[in-house]
Amino acid sequence: MFLAGEWVSAWLWMSITFLVAAGGVVGLGWWVLRGDARNRAAGGVLESPPEPEHSEVQH
């Protein structure tokens, strides 16, 4: 019976630690995906436009 109080305290701290770690993983994933979307959007602006294809028959 004496250890029951220690188990409750340990469970509480481990639960808090897990929630903080999960929040960090979600936050890091969101930050990476946001940066990827920004890089893709900026990459489209910086690329040169494609050259027109020569579909006409030259004589």
Protein backbone atom coordinates (compact mmCIF):
# COMPACT_ATOMS: atom_id res chain seq x y z
CA MET A 1 0.00 0.00 0.00
CA PHE A 2 2.85 2.39 0.73
CA LEU A 3 4.08 2.43 -2.90
CA ALA A 4 0.68 3.33 -4.36
CA GLY A 5 1.33 7.04 -3.82
CA GLU A 6 4.67 6.86 -5.61
CA TRP A 7 3.12 5.08 -8.61
CA VAL A 8 0.48 7.78 -8.99
CA SER A 9 3.13 10.49 -8.93
CA ALA A 10 5.32 8.63 -11.44
CA TRP A 11 2.35 8.02 -13.75
CA LEU A 12 1.44 11.71 -13.63
CA TRP A 13 4.97 12.90 -14.47
CA MET A 14 5.39 10.33 -17.26
CA SER A 15 2.03 11.38 -18.74
CA ILE A 16 3.09 15.02 -18.71
CA THR A 17 6.44 14.09 -20.27
CA PHE A 18 4.70 12.10 -23.02
CA LEU A 19 2.32 14.98 -23.79
CA VAL A 20 5.21 17.46 -24.01
CA ALA A 21 7.16 15.12 -26.30
CA ALA A 22 4.10 14.51 -28.51
CA GLY A 23 3.50 18.25 -28.72
CA GLY A 24 7.11 18.76 -29.76
CA VAL A 25 6.86 16.15 -32.50
CA VAL A 26 3.64 17.65 -33.84
CA GLY A 27 5.09 21.17 -33.67
CA LEU A 28 8.29 20.14 -35.44
CA GLY A 29 6.34 18.33 -38.15
CA TRP A 30 4.12 21.35 -38.71
CA TRP A 31 7.17 23.65 -38.90
CA VAL A 32 8.91 21.39 -41.45
CA LEU A 33 5.81 21.03 -43.64
CA ARG A 34 5.15 24.78 -43.49
CA GLY A 35 8.74 25.48 -44.55
CA ASP A 36 8.47 22.94 -47.36
CA ALA A 37 5.30 24.60 -48.66
CA ARG A 38 6.95 28.03 -48.49
CA ASN A 39 10.04 26.75 -50.33
CA ARG A 40 7.94 25.17 -53.06
CA ALA A 41 5.91 28.36 -53.51
CA ALA A 42 9.05 30.50 -53.64
CA GLY A 43 10.77 28.07 -56.00
CA GLY A 44 8.00 28.47 -58.57
CA VAL A 45 8.42 32.24 -58.53
CA LEU A 46 12.21 32.15 -58.98
CA GLU A 47 12.31 29.66 -61.84
CA SER A 48 12.61 31.01 -65.34
CA PRO A 49 9.56 30.53 -67.54
CA PRO A 50 9.76 27.59 -69.92
CA GLU A 51 10.93 28.36 -73.42
CA PRO A 52 8.28 27.99 -76.13
CA GLU A 53 8.52 24.73 -77.99
CA HIS A 54 9.22 24.84 -81.73
CA SER A 55 6.16 23.10 -83.04
CA GLU A 56 6.20 24.88 -86.39
CA VAL A 57 7.77 23.18 -89.37
CA GLN A 58 10.83 25.07 -90.49
CA HIS A 59 11.50 25.42 -94.25
